[in-house]
């Protein structure tokens, strides 16, 4: 009520009222988003990278269920946080329906969940879904997806939201050019490949 009292009476249903109402609602939801989604994402980003370092520098993991190892706890924390964000994606799929497939950042979220889970299954639980020789590539792709999501999270903050919007708009504006450039690269690439 204090915020509503700050609105002058002649503009109570005008733009000033709407702006103050949005700020009031945003304060509540921003706090919820920060504690329930942003901080868990930062925890996933940090812990997943520590786990990826363990995966790269330790050749194999014979003790999949040894609760005394740090690898066990890192792996399961990564799986829990990945499951949290994957469940949010499934809720979003249900809510948005077919419109879900039109946002490219949804593919980053799903890809991140898939690669994090695969790495934990192959290395942590010794399930031979993919060969262990491919773990370094999987870790690099998983890290790329996590950092792309971190970049997208920057739209949450007032200071950086403008830049994220500018980058996404620029990429969408030059999409046709990138398509033509890819065709040229394929054309000359295959030509040079066959000549060699």
Protein backbone atom coordinates (compact mmCIF):
# COMPACT_ATOMS: atom_id res chain seq x y z
CA UNK A 1 0.00 0.00 0.00
CA UNK A 2 2.91 2.32 0.66
CA UNK A 3 3.93 2.17 -3.02
CA UNK A 4 0.37 2.87 -4.18
CA UNK A 5 0.25 5.95 -1.92
CA UNK A 6 3.25 7.37 -3.78
CA UNK A 7 1.20 7.59 -6.99
CA UNK A 8 -0.41 10.99 -7.51
CA UNK A 9 -4.24 10.85 -7.65
CA UNK A 10 -4.59 12.27 -11.15
CA UNK A 11 -2.42 9.51 -12.66
CA UNK A 12 -3.68 6.57 -10.59
CA UNK A 13 -4.78 4.62 -13.66
CA UNK A 14 -2.10 6.08 -15.94
CA UNK A 15 1.38 5.02 -16.89
CA UNK A 16 2.89 5.95 -13.54
CA UNK A 17 0.54 3.57 -11.73
CA UNK A 18 1.35 0.72 -14.12
CA UNK A 19 5.09 1.29 -13.73
CA UNK A 20 4.89 1.30 -9.94
CA UNK A 21 2.69 -1.80 -9.96
CA UNK A 22 5.14 -3.64 -12.23
CA UNK A 23 8.06 -2.62 -10.00
CA UNK A 24 6.16 -3.84 -6.93
CA UNK A 25 5.35 -7.23 -8.54
CA UNK A 26 8.86 -7.54 -10.04
CA UNK A 27 10.51 -7.10 -6.62
CA UNK A 28 8.62 -10.15 -5.34
CA UNK A 29 9.26 -12.33 -8.38
CA UNK A 30 12.88 -11.23 -8.80
CA UNK A 31 13.62 -12.43 -5.27
CA UNK A 32 11.89 -15.74 -5.96
CA UNK A 33 13.74 -16.23 -9.25
CA UNK A 34 17.06 -15.29 -7.70
CA UNK A 35 16.79 -17.79 -4.82
CA UNK A 36 14.98 -20.65 -6.54
CA UNK A 37 16.57 -20.56 -9.99
CA UNK A 38 19.59 -18.25 -10.39
CA UNK A 39 21.60 -19.34 -7.35
CA UNK A 40 20.98 -23.06 -8.06
CA UNK A 41 22.12 -22.43 -11.65
CA UNK A 42 25.34 -20.78 -10.40
CA UNK A 43 25.86 -23.79 -8.09
CA UNK A 44 25.33 -26.15 -11.05
CA UNK A 45 27.75 -24.15 -13.20
CA UNK A 46 30.54 -24.23 -10.60
CA UNK A 47 30.05 -27.81 -9.39
CA UNK A 48 29.67 -29.19 -12.93
CA UNK A 49 32.95 -27.55 -13.96
CA UNK A 50 34.73 -29.02 -10.93
CA UNK A 51 33.26 -32.41 -11.84
CA UNK A 52 34.35 -32.05 -15.47
CA UNK A 53 37.92 -31.39 -14.29
CA UNK A 54 37.75 -34.60 -12.24
CA UNK A 55 36.44 -36.49 -15.28
CA UNK A 56 39.22 -35.20 -17.53
CA UNK A 57 42.14 -35.70 -15.13
CA UNK A 58 41.20 -39.04 -13.55
CA UNK A 59 41.34 -41.83 -16.15
CA UNK A 60 38.50 -43.98 -14.78
CA UNK A 61 36.19 -44.33 -11.83
CA UNK A 62 36.00 -47.86 -10.40
CA UNK A 63 34.17 -46.79 -7.22
CA UNK A 64 30.79 -45.60 -8.49
CA UNK A 65 29.00 -45.90 -5.14
CA UNK A 66 31.75 -45.00 -2.67
CA UNK A 67 30.14 -42.25 -0.60
CA UNK A 68 33.49 -41.27 0.88
CA UNK A 69 34.80 -39.86 -2.40
CA UNK A 70 34.38 -36.27 -3.51
CA UNK A 71 33.54 -37.50 -7.02
CA UNK A 72 30.44 -39.30 -5.68
CA UNK A 73 29.09 -36.11 -4.09
CA UNK A 74 29.98 -33.86 -7.03
CA UNK A 75 28.32 -36.28 -9.47
CA UNK A 76 25.11 -36.56 -7.50
CA UNK A 77 24.86 -32.82 -6.86
CA UNK A 78 25.28 -32.23 -10.61
CA UNK A 79 22.58 -34.84 -11.32
CA UNK A 80 20.15 -33.30 -8.80
CA UNK A 81 20.63 -29.76 -10.11
CA UNK A 82 20.44 -30.97 -13.71
CA UNK A 83 17.22 -32.81 -12.85
CA UNK A 84 15.80 -29.64 -11.31
CA UNK A 85 16.40 -27.60 -14.46
CA UNK A 86 15.29 -30.44 -16.75
CA UNK A 87 12.01 -30.67 -14.84
CA UNK A 88 11.52 -26.93 -15.32
CA UNK A 89 12.04 -27.46 -19.06
CA UNK A 90 9.38 -30.17 -19.13
CA UNK A 91 6.95 -27.88 -17.30
CA UNK A 92 7.75 -25.17 -19.83
CA UNK A 93 7.17 -27.64 -22.70
CA UNK A 94 3.76 -28.47 -21.28
CA UNK A 95 2.80 -24.82 -20.77
CA UNK A 96 4.01 -23.51 -24.13
CA UNK A 97 3.11 -26.45 -26.33
CA UNK A 98 4.44 -26.18 -29.88
CA UNK A 99 5.81 -22.67 -29.23
CA UNK A 100 8.52 -24.27 -27.07
CA UNK A 101 10.51 -25.37 -30.13
CA UNK A 102 10.86 -21.83 -31.50
CA UNK A 103 13.18 -20.54 -28.75
CA UNK A 104 16.77 -21.66 -29.46
CA UNK A 105 17.78 -21.23 -25.82
CA UNK A 106 15.45 -24.08 -24.92
CA UNK A 107 17.74 -26.36 -26.93
CA UNK A 108 20.70 -25.12 -24.88
CA UNK A 109 18.88 -26.02 -21.66
CA UNK A 110 17.91 -29.47 -22.94
CA UNK A 111 21.40 -30.05 -24.38
CA UNK A 112 22.99 -29.05 -21.10
CA UNK A 113 20.77 -31.47 -19.18
CA UNK A 114 21.47 -34.26 -21.66
CA UNK A 115 25.26 -33.85 -21.68
CA UNK A 116 25.53 -33.43 -17.90
CA UNK A 117 23.51 -36.61 -17.40
CA UNK A 118 25.47 -38.56 -20.00
CA UNK A 119 28.80 -37.55 -18.45
CA UNK A 120 27.63 -38.59 -14.98
CA UNK A 121 26.29 -41.91 -16.28
CA UNK A 122 29.32 -42.82 -18.39
CA UNK A 123 32.03 -41.72 -15.98
CA UNK A 124 30.37 -41.82 -12.57
CA UNK A 125 28.24 -44.94 -12.83
CA UNK A 126 30.37 -46.77 -15.46
CA UNK A 127 27.42 -47.21 -17.81
CA UNK A 128 28.83 -47.72 -21.31
CA UNK A 129 26.43 -45.48 -23.25
CA UNK A 130 29.30 -43.72 -24.99
CA UNK A 131 32.98 -44.60 -24.92
CA UNK A 132 35.14 -42.96 -22.27
CA UNK A 133 37.44 -41.63 -24.98
CA UNK A 134 34.67 -39.18 -25.89
CA UNK A 135 34.30 -37.75 -22.37
CA UNK A 136 36.60 -34.78 -23.02
CA UNK A 137 34.50 -33.72 -26.02
CA UNK A 138 31.29 -34.21 -24.03
CA UNK A 139 32.67 -32.13 -21.15
CA UNK A 140 33.64 -29.32 -23.52
CA UNK A 141 30.16 -29.26 -25.13
CA UNK A 142 28.47 -29.42 -21.71
CA UNK A 143 30.63 -26.52 -20.49
CA UNK A 144 29.78 -24.54 -23.64
CA UNK A 145 26.05 -25.06 -23.02
CA UNK A 146 26.38 -24.04 -19.37
CA UNK A 147 28.25 -20.84 -20.25
CA UNK A 148 25.73 -20.00 -22.99
CA UNK A 149 23.00 -20.39 -20.37
CA UNK A 150 25.00 -18.14 -18.03
CA UNK A 151 25.13 -15.53 -20.77
CA UNK A 152 21.38 -15.83 -21.22
CA UNK A 153 20.90 -15.41 -17.44
CA UNK A 154 22.47 -11.97 -17.76
CA UNK A 155 19.16 -10.69 -19.16
CA UNK A 156 17.83 -11.02 -15.61
CA UNK A 157 19.94 -8.09 -14.40
CA UNK A 158 19.15 -4.51 -15.32
CA UNK A 159 22.75 -3.56 -16.14
CA UNK A 160 23.34 -6.43 -18.57
CA UNK A 161 19.85 -7.12 -20.01
CA UNK A 162 20.28 -4.51 -22.74
CA UNK A 163 23.47 -6.13 -24.01
CA UNK A 164 21.99 -9.64 -24.09
CA UNK A 165 18.97 -8.31 -26.01
CA UNK A 166 21.32 -6.50 -28.39
CA UNK A 167 23.36 -9.68 -29.03
CA UNK A 168 20.29 -11.88 -29.61
CA UNK A 169 18.72 -9.28 -31.90
CA UNK A 170 21.94 -8.93 -33.89
CA UNK A 171 22.25 -12.69 -34.32
CA UNK A 172 18.64 -13.01 -35.44
CA UNK A 173 19.09 -10.09 -37.86
CA UNK A 174 22.13 -11.66 -39.53
CA UNK A 175 20.71 -15.21 -39.63
CA UNK A 176 20.17 -15.09 -43.41
CA UNK A 177 23.72 -13.86 -43.93
CA UNK A 178 25.10 -16.65 -41.73
CA UNK A 179 23.14 -19.20 -43.76
CA UNK A 180 24.62 -17.92 -47.03
CA UNK A 181 28.11 -17.78 -45.50
CA UNK A 182 27.75 -21.41 -44.36
CA UNK A 183 26.79 -22.41 -47.91
CA UNK A 184 29.86 -20.64 -49.31
CA UNK A 185 32.09 -22.31 -46.73
CA UNK A 186 30.66 -25.73 -47.61
CA UNK A 187 31.01 -25.05 -51.33
CA UNK A 188 34.67 -24.08 -51.17
CA UNK A 189 35.43 -26.50 -48.33
CA UNK A 190 34.25 -29.55 -50.25
CA UNK A 191 36.03 -28.30 -53.38
CA UNK A 192 39.35 -27.99 -51.53
CA UNK A 193 38.75 -31.31 -49.74
CA UNK A 194 38.26 -33.17 -53.03
CA UNK A 195 41.27 -31.46 -54.62
CA UNK A 196 43.49 -32.56 -51.74
